[in-house]
Amino acid sequence: MVKKKSKSYSRTKGHKFEQKIAKELRELGFNVVTSRSESKSADDNKVDLIDKDNKLPCAIQLKATQSIPSYFTIRNQSTILNEDFVILWAKQEKKEVNICTVGEAVIMDKQLFYKLIKPYADSSNI
């Protein structure tokens, strides 16, 4: 039987996921910090990463959970425009000793998805 993990374990796992994604985005060239370290109001508004240069086309909420995040519920708790809101999800799975990430996915509004892929359609006409 797998022992239930504490809230602090889940919280620490969430913090590490935020730091990991912030680091990856910085490596891609974005000037990103976690809202936890920068802005309580952004954190309260369901935005976990702050792009200090405003280059990201979306606001990002990060979730490291076993079940699929309730995208529409979380999005509706934020004042961010629906088409600019993204959840980056790290699916967690219970193992014998730990809970491990088994995959990562992005959940977003269809209009944002179309906005992001449109330049690829346009570039084929060059």
C-alpha atoms as a PDB file:
ATOM      1  CA  MET A   1       0.000   0.000   0.000  1.00  0.00           C
ATOM      2  CA  VAL A   2       1.302   3.454  -0.917  1.00  0.00           C
ATOM      3  CA  LYS A   3       1.429   5.904   1.978  1.00  0.00           C
ATOM      4  CA  LYS A   4      -0.341   9.241   1.349  1.00  0.00           C
ATOM      5  CA  LYS A   5       2.090  12.140   0.949  1.00  0.00           C
ATOM      6  CA  SER A   6       1.792  15.261   3.101  1.00  0.00           C
ATOM      7  CA  LYS A   7       0.709  18.708   1.920  1.00  0.00           C
ATOM      8  CA  SER A   8       4.264  19.960   2.380  1.00  0.00           C
ATOM      9  CA  TYR A   9       5.540  17.188   0.075  1.00  0.00           C
ATOM     10  CA  SER A  10       3.068  18.250  -2.627  1.00  0.00           C
ATOM     11  CA  ARG A  11       3.850  21.926  -2.073  1.00  0.00           C
ATOM     12  CA  THR A  12       7.593  21.302  -2.393  1.00  0.00           C
ATOM     13  CA  LYS A  13       6.999  19.266  -5.554  1.00  0.00           C
ATOM     14  CA  GLY A  14       4.957  22.163  -6.970  1.00  0.00           C
ATOM     15  CA  HIS A  15       7.687  24.693  -6.115  1.00  0.00           C
ATOM     16  CA  LYS A  16      10.334  22.548  -7.794  1.00  0.00           C
ATOM     17  CA  PHE A  17       8.158  22.223 -10.913  1.00  0.00           C
ATOM     18  CA  GLU A  18       7.747  26.028 -11.053  1.00  0.00           C
ATOM     19  CA  GLN A  19      11.501  26.524 -10.744  1.00  0.00           C
ATOM     20  CA  LYS A  20      12.183  23.867 -13.410  1.00  0.00           C
ATOM     21  CA  ILE A  21       9.826  25.444 -15.958  1.00  0.00           C
ATOM     22  CA  ALA A  22      11.096  28.963 -15.190  1.00  0.00           C
ATOM     23  CA  LYS A  23      14.658  27.747 -15.800  1.00  0.00           C
ATOM     24  CA  GLU A  24      13.659  26.064 -19.082  1.00  0.00           C
ATOM     25  CA  LEU A  25      11.949  29.246 -20.289  1.00  0.00           C
ATOM     26  CA  ARG A  26      14.991  31.324 -19.335  1.00  0.00           C
ATOM     27  CA  GLU A  27      17.135  28.922 -21.376  1.00  0.00           C
ATOM     28  CA  LEU A  28      14.794  29.642 -24.320  1.00  0.00           C
ATOM     29  CA  GLY A  29      15.494  33.366 -23.896  1.00  0.00           C
ATOM     30  CA  PHE A  30      12.581  34.574 -21.760  1.00  0.00           C
ATOM     31  CA  ASN A  31      13.182  36.747 -18.680  1.00  0.00           C
ATOM     32  CA  VAL A  32      10.920  34.688 -16.398  1.00  0.00           C
ATOM     33  CA  VAL A  33      10.592  34.472 -12.611  1.00  0.00           C
ATOM     34  CA  THR A  34       8.097  32.674 -10.406  1.00  0.00           C
ATOM     35  CA  SER A  35       5.214  34.769  -9.135  1.00  0.00           C
ATOM     36  CA  ARG A  36       5.845  33.264  -5.711  1.00  0.00           C
ATOM     37  CA  SER A  37       9.084  35.262  -5.529  1.00  0.00           C
ATOM     38  CA  GLU A  38       7.816  38.319  -7.408  1.00  0.00           C
ATOM     39  CA  SER A  39       4.114  39.071  -6.981  1.00  0.00           C
ATOM     40  CA  LYS A  40       1.507  37.697  -4.580  1.00  0.00           C
ATOM     41  CA  SER A  41      -1.263  39.327  -6.627  1.00  0.00           C
ATOM     42  CA  ALA A  42      -0.118  37.470  -9.775  1.00  0.00           C
ATOM     43  CA  ASP A  43       0.085  34.222  -7.788  1.00  0.00           C
ATOM     44  CA  ASP A  44      -3.421  34.819  -6.435  1.00  0.00           C
ATOM     45  CA  ASN A  45      -4.580  35.445 -10.028  1.00  0.00           C
ATOM     46  CA  LYS A  46      -3.506  31.900 -11.052  1.00  0.00           C
ATOM     47  CA  VAL A  47      -0.323  33.091 -12.801  1.00  0.00           C
ATOM     48  CA  ASP A  48       2.745  31.147 -11.654  1.00  0.00           C
ATOM     49  CA  LEU A  49       5.358  32.659 -13.979  1.00  0.00           C
ATOM     50  CA  ILE A  50       5.998  36.327 -14.679  1.00  0.00           C
ATOM     51  CA  ASP A  51       7.644  37.359 -17.936  1.00  0.00           C
ATOM     52  CA  LYS A  52       9.445  40.568 -16.995  1.00  0.00           C
ATOM     53  CA  ASP A  53       9.828  41.552 -20.674  1.00  0.00           C
ATOM     54  CA  ASN A  54       6.223  40.669 -21.669  1.00  0.00           C
ATOM     55  CA  LYS A  55       7.332  38.438 -24.563  1.00  0.00           C
ATOM     56  CA  LEU A  56       5.342  35.315 -23.679  1.00  0.00           C
ATOM     57  CA  PRO A  57       2.026  35.151 -25.559  1.00  0.00           C
ATOM     58  CA  CYS A  58       0.247  33.660 -22.548  1.00  0.00           C
ATOM     59  CA  ALA A  59      -0.099  33.559 -18.775  1.00  0.00           C
ATOM     60  CA  ILE A  60       1.023  30.242 -17.291  1.00  0.00           C
ATOM     61  CA  GLN A  61      -0.435  28.294 -14.373  1.00  0.00           C
ATOM     62  CA  LEU A  62       1.628  25.232 -13.401  1.00  0.00           C
ATOM     63  CA  LYS A  63       0.176  22.050 -11.954  1.00  0.00           C
ATOM     64  CA  ALA A  64       1.964  18.892 -10.819  1.00  0.00           C
ATOM     65  CA  THR A  65      -0.944  16.562 -10.026  1.00  0.00           C
ATOM     66  CA  GLN A  66      -2.093  12.991 -10.534  1.00  0.00           C
ATOM     67  CA  SER A  67      -5.411  13.969 -12.054  1.00  0.00           C
ATOM     68  CA  ILE A  68      -6.018  16.276 -14.997  1.00  0.00           C
ATOM     69  CA  PRO A  69      -6.335  19.873 -13.752  1.00  0.00           C
ATOM     70  CA  SER A  70      -9.784  21.397 -14.026  1.00  0.00           C
ATOM     71  CA  TYR A  71      -8.770  23.864 -16.755  1.00  0.00           C
ATOM     72  CA  PHE A  72     -12.043  25.791 -17.049  1.00  0.00           C
ATOM     73  CA  THR A  73     -12.507  26.116 -13.280  1.00  0.00           C
ATOM     74  CA  ILE A  74      -8.959  27.389 -12.754  1.00  0.00           C
ATOM     75  CA  ARG A  75      -9.132  29.691 -15.781  1.00  0.00           C
ATOM     76  CA  ASN A  76     -12.399  31.198 -14.525  1.00  0.00           C
ATOM     77  CA  GLN A  77     -10.740  32.001 -11.169  1.00  0.00           C
ATOM     78  CA  SER A  78      -8.316  34.294 -13.013  1.00  0.00           C
ATOM     79  CA  THR A  79      -8.808  37.708 -14.576  1.00  0.00           C
ATOM     80  CA  ILE A  80      -6.491  36.740 -17.475  1.00  0.00           C
ATOM     81  CA  LEU A  81      -8.264  36.674 -20.839  1.00  0.00           C
ATOM     82  CA  ASN A  82      -9.430  33.135 -21.632  1.00  0.00           C
ATOM     83  CA  GLU A  83      -7.457  32.994 -24.882  1.00  0.00           C
ATOM     84  CA  ASP A  84      -4.240  33.944 -23.058  1.00  0.00           C
ATOM     85  CA  PHE A  85      -4.450  31.416 -20.202  1.00  0.00           C
ATOM     86  CA  VAL A  86      -2.399  28.190 -20.231  1.00  0.00           C
ATOM     87  CA  ILE A  87      -1.957  25.342 -17.782  1.00  0.00           C
ATOM     88  CA  LEU A  88       1.316  23.462 -18.005  1.00  0.00           C
ATOM     89  CA  TRP A  89       0.666  20.120 -16.308  1.00  0.00           C
ATOM     90  CA  ALA A  90       3.148  17.569 -14.988  1.00  0.00           C
ATOM     91  CA  LYS A  91       1.222  14.304 -14.606  1.00  0.00           C
ATOM     92  CA  GLN A  92       2.214  12.590 -11.389  1.00  0.00           C
ATOM     93  CA  GLU A  93       2.047   8.868 -10.723  1.00  0.00           C
ATOM     94  CA  LYS A  94       2.407   7.015  -7.435  1.00  0.00           C
ATOM     95  CA  LYS A  95       5.344   4.630  -7.247  1.00  0.00           C
ATOM     96  CA  GLU A  96       6.329   2.413  -4.332  1.00  0.00           C
ATOM     97  CA  VAL A  97       8.407   5.106  -2.603  1.00  0.00           C
ATOM     98  CA  ASN A  98       7.772   8.401  -4.409  1.00  0.00           C
ATOM     99  CA  ILE A  99       5.382  10.205  -6.671  1.00  0.00           C
ATOM    100  CA  CYS A 100       7.057  10.716 -10.052  1.00  0.00           C
ATOM    101  CA  THR A 101       6.381  12.853 -13.116  1.00  0.00           C
ATOM    102  CA  VAL A 102       5.409  10.596 -16.021  1.00  0.00           C
ATOM    103  CA  GLY A 103       4.736  13.272 -18.634  1.00  0.00           C
ATOM    104  CA  GLU A 104       4.060  16.945 -19.226  1.00  0.00           C
ATOM    105  CA  ALA A 105       1.329  18.586 -21.294  1.00  0.00           C
ATOM    106  CA  VAL A 106      -0.058  22.029 -22.058  1.00  0.00           C
ATOM    107  CA  ILE A 107      -3.780  22.801 -21.805  1.00  0.00           C
ATOM    108  CA  MET A 108      -4.896  25.963 -23.597  1.00  0.00           C
ATOM    109  CA  ASP A 109      -7.778  27.683 -25.315  1.00  0.00           C
ATOM    110  CA  LYS A 110      -8.180  26.696 -28.956  1.00  0.00           C
ATOM    111  CA  GLN A 111      -7.849  30.320 -30.122  1.00  0.00           C
ATOM    112  CA  LEU A 112      -4.416  30.602 -28.491  1.00  0.00           C
ATOM    113  CA  PHE A 113      -3.375  27.342 -30.133  1.00  0.00           C
ATOM    114  CA  TYR A 114      -4.425  28.679 -33.547  1.00  0.00           C
ATOM    115  CA  LYS A 115      -2.613  31.970 -32.869  1.00  0.00           C
ATOM    116  CA  LEU A 116       0.573  30.059 -32.044  1.00  0.00           C
ATOM    117  CA  ILE A 117       0.499  27.801 -35.126  1.00  0.00           C
ATOM    118  CA  LYS A 118      -0.664  30.402 -37.664  1.00  0.00           C
ATOM    119  CA  PRO A 119       2.884  31.687 -38.412  1.00  0.00           C
ATOM    120  CA  TYR A 120       3.802  28.172 -39.606  1.00  0.00           C
ATOM    121  CA  ALA A 121       1.004  28.185 -42.182  1.00  0.00           C
ATOM    122  CA  ASP A 122       1.981  31.683 -43.315  1.00  0.00           C
ATOM    123  CA  SER A 123       5.674  30.780 -43.642  1.00  0.00           C
ATOM    124  CA  SER A 124       4.932  28.008 -46.156  1.00  0.00           C
ATOM    125  CA  ASN A 125       3.704  30.651 -48.609  1.00  0.00           C
ATOM    126  CA  ILE A 126       7.109  32.354 -48.782  1.00  0.00           C
END
